[in-house]
Protein backbone atom coordinates (compact mmCIF):
# COMPACT_ATOMS: atom_id res chain seq x y z
CA UNK A 1 226.91 -12.46 81.62
CA UNK A 2 223.73 -11.29 83.78
CA UNK A 3 222.79 -12.82 87.21
CA UNK A 4 220.47 -15.17 85.79
CA UNK A 5 222.72 -16.52 82.70
CA UNK A 6 225.32 -17.19 85.50
CA UNK A 7 222.95 -18.60 88.07
CA UNK A 8 221.73 -21.46 84.93
CA UNK A 9 225.11 -22.15 84.09
CA UNK A 10 226.18 -22.45 87.90
CA UNK A 11 223.25 -24.92 88.28
CA UNK A 12 224.23 -26.89 85.13
CA UNK A 13 227.27 -27.40 86.29
CA UNK A 14 226.16 -28.50 89.75
CA UNK A 15 223.83 -30.96 88.01
CA UNK A 16 226.10 -32.45 85.44
CA UNK A 17 229.68 -31.26 86.47
CA UNK A 18 231.85 -29.42 84.72
CA UNK A 19 232.78 -29.72 80.56
CA UNK A 20 236.46 -30.18 81.95
CA UNK A 21 237.37 -32.16 84.97
CA UNK A 22 241.07 -29.93 84.78
CA UNK A 23 240.06 -26.85 85.62
CA UNK A 24 237.85 -25.13 87.89
CA UNK A 25 234.38 -23.01 88.28
CA UNK A 26 235.66 -19.95 86.32
CA UNK A 27 237.35 -21.61 83.28
CA UNK A 28 234.46 -24.28 83.12
CA UNK A 29 231.88 -21.26 82.97
CA UNK A 30 234.15 -20.19 79.77
CA UNK A 31 233.96 -23.19 77.96
CA UNK A 32 229.57 -22.80 78.51
CA UNK A 33 229.93 -19.40 76.99
CA UNK A 34 232.89 -18.22 75.61
CA UNK A 35 232.57 -14.99 74.28
CA UNK A 36 235.30 -12.82 75.11
CA UNK A 37 233.22 -10.28 77.44
CA UNK A 38 232.17 -13.47 79.14
CA UNK A 39 235.22 -14.55 80.21
CA UNK A 40 236.25 -11.72 81.83
CA UNK A 41 232.49 -11.67 83.74
CA UNK A 42 232.70 -15.33 84.47
CA UNK A 43 236.13 -14.48 86.46
CA UNK A 44 234.80 -11.68 87.76
CA UNK A 45 231.89 -13.34 89.15
CA UNK A 46 233.56 -15.99 90.75
CA UNK A 47 236.67 -13.77 92.36
CA UNK A 48 233.90 -11.29 93.60
CA UNK A 49 232.16 -13.74 95.78
CA UNK A 50 234.25 -15.76 95.91
CA UNK A 51 235.78 -13.13 98.78
CA UNK A 52 232.73 -13.97 101.08
CA UNK A 53 232.74 -17.97 100.89
CA UNK A 54 233.79 -19.40 104.40
CA UNK A 55 236.55 -21.45 102.60
CA UNK A 56 238.20 -18.47 100.85
CA UNK A 57 241.90 -19.42 100.43
CA UNK A 58 242.91 -15.59 100.68
CA UNK A 59 243.92 -15.67 96.71
CA UNK A 60 241.43 -14.05 94.10
CA UNK A 61 242.24 -16.21 91.29
CA UNK A 62 242.34 -19.51 93.13
CA UNK A 63 239.48 -18.95 96.15
CA UNK A 64 239.02 -22.82 96.53
CA UNK A 65 242.11 -23.69 98.99
CA UNK A 66 244.88 -26.23 98.11
CA UNK A 67 244.07 -29.73 99.28
CA UNK A 68 246.13 -32.70 99.39
CA UNK A 69 243.62 -34.51 97.72
CA UNK A 70 243.92 -31.90 95.07
CA UNK A 71 247.24 -33.21 94.03
CA UNK A 72 245.93 -36.61 94.47
CA UNK A 73 242.54 -37.08 93.10
CA UNK A 74 242.22 -33.81 90.71
CA UNK A 75 239.91 -30.61 91.17
CA UNK A 76 236.53 -32.30 91.21
CA UNK A 77 236.95 -35.37 93.35
CA UNK A 78 237.25 -36.25 96.97
CA UNK A 79 237.32 -32.62 99.32
CA UNK A 80 238.31 -30.64 95.92
CA UNK A 81 234.76 -31.48 94.76
CA UNK A 82 233.17 -30.84 98.33
CA UNK A 83 235.14 -27.43 98.28
CA UNK A 84 233.98 -26.54 94.65
CA UNK A 85 229.90 -27.63 95.14
CA UNK A 86 229.89 -25.42 98.28
CA UNK A 87 231.27 -22.44 96.50
CA UNK A 88 229.10 -22.81 93.48
CA UNK A 89 226.20 -22.64 95.86
CA UNK A 90 227.64 -20.08 97.46
CA UNK A 91 228.11 -17.97 94.25
CA UNK A 92 224.53 -18.55 93.16
CA UNK A 93 223.26 -17.32 96.85
CA UNK A 94 224.87 -14.25 96.21
CA UNK A 95 223.72 -13.63 92.72
CA UNK A 96 220.33 -14.61 93.77
CA UNK A 97 220.46 -11.85 96.53
CA UNK A 98 221.80 -9.34 93.88
CA UNK A 99 218.85 -10.12 91.23
CA UNK A 100 216.16 -8.98 94.68
CA UNK A 101 217.80 -5.85 95.07
C-alpha cells in the first residue's frame, strides 16, 4: 500500500465512517483492501505513525487509549470516536509529509 492509497482510504474512513464499527482503524483499512501484503502494511502504517500521536496509549497494537466510553459505547462513539478521528488525521498528515520527501 503506497502512501497515496493509504491517505485515500483513511480520508474515506473519515467521511463515511468505518466499514466495521466493531474494529479499529487497522482492521478497517484491511477490510477495504484485503490483500495479505496490504494487511501487514496497514498495521505497519498505524503502528509507525501512531507512536508520534499526542494521545498514543504506549501500546503499538492498540494506539488509542482505553476509556470508560469504549466499554459502554464502542470503538466509534463518544471519546473513542474523537480519539480515532484524531489519530486518522495525524496519520494522514504524516503520510502526506512523507510524500513530500
